[in-house]
Amino acid sequence: MPTVANTLKTYDQVGKKEDFEQVIYDITPTQTPFLSSIGSSTAEATLHQWMQDSLASVGSNILVEGADAGAASTVTQVIKSANTQIFGKVVQVSGTAEAIGLHARTSDLANAIAKAGKELKRDIEHAFVGLGQAGTAGSGSAGRQLTSAANQISATTTNTAGSNRALSEALILDVLEKTYNEGAEPNQIQVTPSHSLIVAGFAATSGRTRDFDTGTKLVNAVDIYVSPFGSVSIVPNRFLQANTALVLDTEYWSRAVLRPMQTIQLSRTGDSDKRQMLTELTLVCKSDIASGKIDALTA
């Protein structure tokens, strides 16, 4: 059907107002399960140190009546240490960019600072559990590195192999038994998303049941795993090393902070505003046998 002559259509309009939703959508994952589960302490030097103690091994203890007390037997403490690592992000916005009107935010500088804070948190989680850093003291040309969680757990409570193998319930039970034998009480097992699917499959093992809600909802997840050695939460972690599962007593982990998170206003060298977000910290494993790990896993 033809339109009436001289009708103004949107195709011919000028000066049309733009249509923007006043929201910026971002689903980038920001959960940091390991960092959020542990405590915080204070570091006072770039080399942070602490002591770990233990009792003497159990043994036969029989004294002869009237005998001399004999020689003393003591177990000395072990000194543990980790280097602090500096984490930083820089944001810079021109004066004009800060002056113009914007959709969905009032300031690109403030928005960039907020994003940098979230990115730093993710980077710290990655250093803690996503990498296998052995830790270094650094130099004038290389930054110090903290020691990642996997590198602070004792070989005594580790299940490893010569080549990668699939995660299994037997492997989890093995590490839980090893930590139990050392006196530990883990409360979490952190697994990758793909490994969480394997753990969910434990519920389908013959002889076990899965929950149904009025026939419309099937629950195929394991949130709490109860073993002969206690109960642990199953926590998926997107940032965990692909070939590792961590069996954790989170009470025995902390981040030791030398310099808290801060936003530093850098000197202006032109028509822009430049800020640096920075923190310096390290990861502390208060007892290397309180937690365990399963490594050499297929992704």
Protein backbone atom coordinates (compact mmCIF):
# COMPACT_ATOMS: atom_id res chain seq x y z
CA MET A 1 0.00 0.00 0.00
CA PRO A 2 1.56 3.31 -0.99
CA THR A 3 2.28 5.95 1.67
CA VAL A 4 0.94 9.49 1.58
CA ALA A 5 3.18 11.84 -0.36
CA ASN A 6 5.64 13.97 1.60
CA THR A 7 5.34 11.79 4.74
CA LEU A 8 8.50 12.12 6.80
CA LYS A 9 9.97 8.72 7.55
CA THR A 10 12.70 7.72 9.94
CA TYR A 11 14.90 6.92 6.93
CA ASP A 12 14.96 10.61 6.07
CA GLN A 13 15.13 12.08 9.56
CA VAL A 14 18.23 13.88 10.77
CA GLY A 15 19.33 14.60 14.33
CA LYS A 16 17.81 11.38 15.62
CA LYS A 17 18.54 10.54 19.26
CA GLU A 18 20.60 7.40 19.77
CA ASP A 19 19.04 4.54 21.69
CA PHE A 20 21.40 3.05 24.30
CA GLU A 21 20.57 0.80 27.22
CA GLN A 22 22.05 2.38 30.33
CA VAL A 23 23.77 -0.82 31.37
CA ILE A 24 27.12 -2.30 30.35
CA TYR A 25 26.90 -6.08 30.26
CA ASP A 26 29.88 -8.12 31.41
CA ILE A 27 29.73 -11.79 32.46
CA THR A 28 33.48 -12.26 32.82
CA PRO A 29 33.88 -14.55 35.87
CA THR A 30 35.02 -12.74 39.00
CA GLN A 31 34.54 -15.44 41.65
CA THR A 32 37.82 -16.34 43.37
CA PRO A 33 36.98 -19.40 45.51
CA PHE A 34 40.46 -19.95 46.95
CA LEU A 35 41.20 -16.31 47.77
CA SER A 36 37.73 -15.90 49.26
CA SER A 37 38.10 -19.00 51.46
CA ILE A 38 41.35 -18.14 53.24
CA GLY A 39 42.26 -15.66 55.93
CA SER A 40 44.54 -12.64 55.88
CA SER A 41 47.65 -11.76 57.85
CA THR A 42 50.40 -9.12 57.71
CA ALA A 43 53.82 -9.36 56.11
CA GLU A 44 56.62 -7.04 57.23
CA ALA A 45 59.33 -7.94 54.72
CA THR A 46 59.59 -9.17 51.14
CA LEU A 47 60.68 -12.57 52.51
CA HIS A 48 57.84 -13.66 54.77
CA GLN A 49 58.67 -16.46 57.22
CA TRP A 50 56.76 -18.64 59.66
CA MET A 51 57.36 -21.82 61.65
CA GLN A 52 55.73 -25.22 61.44
CA ASP A 53 55.84 -27.66 64.34
CA SER A 54 54.94 -31.30 64.88
CA LEU A 55 54.98 -33.97 67.56
CA ALA A 56 57.41 -36.86 67.66
CA SER A 57 56.30 -40.02 65.88
CA VAL A 58 54.24 -42.50 67.86
CA GLY A 59 56.34 -45.31 69.29
CA SER A 60 56.56 -47.91 72.00
CA ASN A 61 56.92 -46.14 75.34
CA ILE A 62 58.03 -48.42 78.19
CA LEU A 63 60.08 -47.25 81.13
CA VAL A 64 61.90 -49.52 83.58
CA GLU A 65 60.98 -48.90 87.17
CA GLY A 66 63.64 -46.87 88.95
CA ALA A 67 65.65 -46.22 85.77
CA ASP A 68 67.33 -42.91 85.01
CA ALA A 69 65.29 -40.49 82.88
CA GLY A 70 67.73 -40.88 80.00
CA ALA A 71 68.35 -38.55 77.05
CA ALA A 72 65.87 -35.96 75.91
CA SER A 73 64.07 -36.36 72.61
CA THR A 74 62.76 -33.24 70.91
CA VAL A 75 61.37 -32.28 67.53
CA THR A 76 62.49 -28.84 66.40
CA GLN A 77 60.36 -26.44 64.40
CA VAL A 78 60.75 -26.06 60.65
CA ILE A 79 61.07 -22.60 59.13
CA LYS A 80 58.91 -21.96 56.07
CA SER A 81 59.12 -18.91 53.84
CA ALA A 82 57.61 -17.27 50.76
CA ASN A 83 58.45 -14.15 48.80
CA THR A 84 55.96 -11.36 48.33
CA GLN A 85 54.78 -10.60 44.81
CA ILE A 86 53.76 -7.20 43.48
CA PHE A 87 50.51 -7.08 41.51
CA GLY A 88 49.63 -3.96 39.56
CA LYS A 89 47.41 -2.46 36.87
CA VAL A 90 47.61 0.95 35.18
CA VAL A 91 44.66 2.87 33.77
CA GLN A 92 44.85 6.11 31.78
CA VAL A 93 42.09 8.33 30.40
CA SER A 94 42.44 11.57 28.47
CA GLY A 95 41.00 14.81 29.80
CA THR A 96 38.55 14.99 26.91
CA ALA A 97 37.36 11.43 27.50
CA GLU A 98 36.51 12.39 31.07
CA ALA A 99 34.71 15.56 30.03
CA ILE A 100 32.24 14.22 27.45
CA GLY A 101 28.84 12.73 28.21
CA LEU A 102 28.70 8.94 28.39
CA HIS A 103 26.14 6.18 28.26
CA ALA A 104 25.78 3.74 31.18
CA ARG A 105 28.54 5.30 33.29
CA THR A 106 29.52 8.73 34.52
CA SER A 107 33.30 8.37 34.31
CA ASP A 108 35.53 6.13 32.23
CA LEU A 109 38.34 6.65 34.73
CA ALA A 110 36.21 5.41 37.64
CA ASN A 111 34.96 2.55 35.48
CA ALA A 112 38.51 1.56 34.51
CA ILE A 113 39.65 1.63 38.16
CA ALA A 114 36.75 -0.62 39.19
CA LYS A 115 37.57 -3.08 36.40
CA ALA A 116 41.27 -3.08 37.29
CA GLY A 117 40.43 -4.00 40.89
CA LYS A 118 38.46 -7.04 39.71
CA GLU A 119 41.25 -7.99 37.30
CA LEU A 120 43.85 -7.84 40.08
CA LYS A 121 41.74 -10.12 42.23
CA ARG A 122 41.57 -12.65 39.38
CA ASP A 123 45.32 -12.39 38.81
CA ILE A 124 46.01 -13.10 42.49
CA GLU A 125 43.74 -16.17 42.37
CA HIS A 126 45.59 -17.29 39.23
CA ALA A 127 48.97 -16.95 40.99
CA PHE A 128 47.66 -18.85 44.03
CA VAL A 129 46.07 -21.84 42.28
CA GLY A 130 46.30 -21.42 38.51
CA LEU A 131 50.07 -21.53 38.29
CA GLY A 132 52.81 -23.76 39.64
CA GLN A 133 55.17 -21.02 40.78
CA ALA A 134 58.06 -22.29 42.89
CA GLY A 135 58.69 -18.78 44.22
CA THR A 136 61.71 -16.57 43.56
CA ALA A 137 63.47 -13.72 45.34
CA GLY A 138 63.62 -11.70 42.12
CA SER A 139 66.33 -9.26 41.06
CA GLY A 140 66.76 -5.76 39.70
CA SER A 141 65.38 -6.95 36.37
CA ALA A 142 62.93 -9.70 37.43
CA GLY A 143 60.00 -9.46 39.81
CA ARG A 144 59.66 -11.54 42.97
CA GLN A 145 57.25 -14.47 42.74
CA LEU A 146 55.16 -15.97 45.51
CA THR A 147 54.93 -19.75 45.87
CA SER A 148 51.69 -21.18 44.49
CA ALA A 149 49.47 -23.41 46.64
CA ALA A 150 50.29 -26.61 44.76
CA ASN A 151 54.00 -26.02 45.40
CA GLN A 152 53.53 -25.60 49.16
CA ILE A 153 51.70 -28.88 49.81
CA SER A 154 53.81 -31.73 51.13
CA ALA A 155 54.63 -34.76 48.99
CA THR A 156 53.36 -36.80 51.96
CA THR A 157 49.78 -35.74 51.22
CA THR A 158 50.06 -35.75 47.41
CA ASN A 159 48.88 -38.36 44.93
CA THR A 160 50.88 -38.09 41.74
CA ALA A 161 51.73 -40.29 38.76
CA GLY A 162 54.16 -40.53 35.89
CA SER A 163 51.51 -39.62 33.32
CA ASN A 164 48.14 -37.94 33.39
CA ARG A 165 45.11 -39.96 34.47
CA ALA A 166 41.42 -39.23 35.04
CA LEU A 167 40.18 -37.92 38.37
CA SER A 168 38.46 -40.68 40.33
CA GLU A 169 36.84 -41.25 43.70
CA ALA A 170 39.69 -43.60 44.62
CA LEU A 171 42.21 -40.77 44.14
CA ILE A 172 40.17 -38.43 46.32
CA LEU A 173 39.86 -41.05 49.06
CA ASP A 174 43.60 -41.71 48.89
CA VAL A 175 44.47 -38.06 49.57
CA LEU A 176 41.79 -37.71 52.25
CA GLU A 177 43.29 -40.76 53.97
CA LYS A 178 46.79 -39.32 53.71
CA THR A 179 45.75 -36.01 55.26
CA TYR A 180 43.78 -37.82 57.96
CA ASN A 181 46.85 -39.89 58.87
CA GLU A 182 48.79 -36.65 59.33
CA GLY A 183 46.12 -35.26 61.68
CA ALA A 184 44.47 -32.90 59.19
CA GLU A 185 40.78 -32.19 58.74
CA PRO A 186 40.26 -30.82 55.19
CA ASN A 187 37.02 -28.94 54.59
CA GLN A 188 37.17 -28.32 50.82
CA ILE A 189 38.06 -30.04 47.61
CA GLN A 190 38.60 -27.50 44.84
CA VAL A 191 38.27 -28.91 41.34
CA THR A 192 38.17 -27.54 37.81
CA PRO A 193 34.77 -27.24 36.10
CA SER A 194 35.47 -30.36 34.02
CA HIS A 195 36.50 -32.32 37.11
CA SER A 196 33.36 -31.17 38.93
CA LEU A 197 31.38 -33.11 36.30
CA ILE A 198 33.32 -36.25 37.23
CA VAL A 199 32.56 -35.69 40.92
CA ALA A 200 28.88 -35.16 40.06
CA GLY A 201 28.99 -38.57 38.41
CA PHE A 202 29.80 -40.18 41.78
CA ALA A 203 26.10 -39.80 42.60
CA ALA A 204 25.19 -42.09 39.70
CA THR A 205 27.37 -44.93 40.94
CA SER A 206 25.52 -48.18 41.51
CA GLY A 207 23.97 -48.35 44.98
CA ARG A 208 23.63 -44.57 45.35
CA THR A 209 20.60 -42.39 44.77
CA ARG A 210 19.94 -38.97 43.28
CA ASP A 211 17.27 -36.55 44.50
CA PHE A 212 14.04 -35.87 42.67
CA ASP A 213 11.60 -33.07 43.44
CA THR A 214 8.02 -34.06 42.53
CA GLY A 215 9.37 -35.71 39.40
CA THR A 216 10.36 -32.42 37.75
CA LYS A 217 13.86 -31.71 39.04
CA LEU A 218 16.87 -33.99 38.84
CA VAL A 219 19.75 -33.07 41.13
CA ASN A 220 23.03 -34.27 39.64
CA ALA A 221 25.63 -32.50 41.77
CA VAL A 222 27.80 -33.27 44.76
CA ASP A 223 28.11 -30.25 47.08
CA ILE A 224 29.22 -32.17 50.18
CA TYR A 225 31.26 -35.36 49.98
CA VAL A 226 31.15 -37.53 53.10
CA SER A 227 34.00 -40.00 53.42
CA PRO A 228 35.28 -42.19 56.27
CA PHE A 229 37.67 -39.31 57.01
CA GLY A 230 35.11 -36.52 57.31
CA SER A 231 32.95 -34.21 55.20
CA VAL A 232 34.30 -31.81 52.58
CA SER A 233 32.68 -29.25 50.31
CA ILE A 234 33.15 -29.67 46.57
CA VAL A 235 34.07 -26.25 45.15
CA PRO A 236 34.51 -25.70 41.39
CA ASN A 237 37.21 -23.17 40.59
CA ARG A 238 37.55 -21.75 37.06
CA PHE A 239 41.11 -20.59 37.75
CA LEU A 240 42.50 -23.87 39.09
CA GLN A 241 45.33 -25.59 37.21
CA ALA A 242 43.82 -27.93 34.63
CA ASN A 243 45.64 -31.04 35.88
CA THR A 244 45.24 -30.53 39.64
CA ALA A 245 42.64 -30.97 42.40
CA LEU A 246 43.30 -29.43 45.81
CA VAL A 247 42.16 -31.00 49.09
CA LEU A 248 42.23 -28.06 51.48
CA ASP A 249 41.95 -27.20 55.13
CA THR A 250 41.38 -23.50 54.50
CA GLU A 251 42.12 -22.66 58.16
CA TYR A 252 45.80 -23.31 57.41
CA TRP A 253 46.07 -20.89 54.49
CA SER A 254 46.29 -17.11 54.44
CA ARG A 255 47.45 -14.25 52.29
CA ALA A 256 50.12 -12.20 54.04
CA VAL A 257 49.82 -8.59 52.87
CA LEU A 258 52.84 -6.30 52.79
CA ARG A 259 51.07 -3.48 50.96
CA PRO A 260 47.26 -3.39 50.89
CA MET A 261 45.38 -2.68 47.67
CA GLN A 262 45.81 1.01 46.81
CA THR A 263 45.11 3.40 43.97
CA ILE A 264 48.02 5.73 43.27
CA GLN A 265 47.56 8.96 41.31
CA LEU A 266 50.56 9.20 38.99
CA SER A 267 52.11 12.48 37.87
CA ARG A 268 50.47 14.12 34.89
CA THR A 269 52.73 14.33 31.85
CA GLY A 270 50.10 15.62 29.47
CA ASP A 271 46.39 15.84 28.92
CA SER A 272 45.41 12.64 30.67
CA ASP A 273 44.75 11.15 34.10
CA LYS A 274 46.87 8.10 34.99
CA ARG A 275 46.37 5.83 37.98
CA GLN A 276 48.10 2.70 39.21
CA MET A 277 46.38 0.05 41.29
CA LEU A 278 48.86 -1.96 43.30
CA THR A 279 49.19 -4.52 46.09
CA GLU A 280 52.01 -6.69 47.41
CA LEU A 281 51.38 -9.98 49.17
CA THR A 282 52.27 -13.64 49.41
CA LEU A 283 50.56 -16.96 50.07
CA VAL A 284 51.12 -18.71 53.41
CA CYS A 285 50.59 -22.44 53.95
CA LYS A 286 50.73 -22.71 57.73
CA SER A 287 51.03 -26.49 57.61
CA ASP A 288 52.06 -28.28 54.43
CA ILE A 289 50.45 -31.55 55.59
CA ALA A 290 47.10 -30.00 56.53
CA SER A 291 46.12 -30.02 52.86
CA GLY A 292 46.68 -32.41 49.99
CA LYS A 293 46.60 -32.47 46.22
CA ILE A 294 46.01 -34.75 43.32
CA ASP A 295 48.10 -33.86 40.31
CA ALA A 296 48.92 -35.43 36.94
CA LEU A 297 45.24 -35.38 35.98
CA THR A 298 43.76 -35.20 32.53
CA ALA A 299 41.92 -31.93 31.90
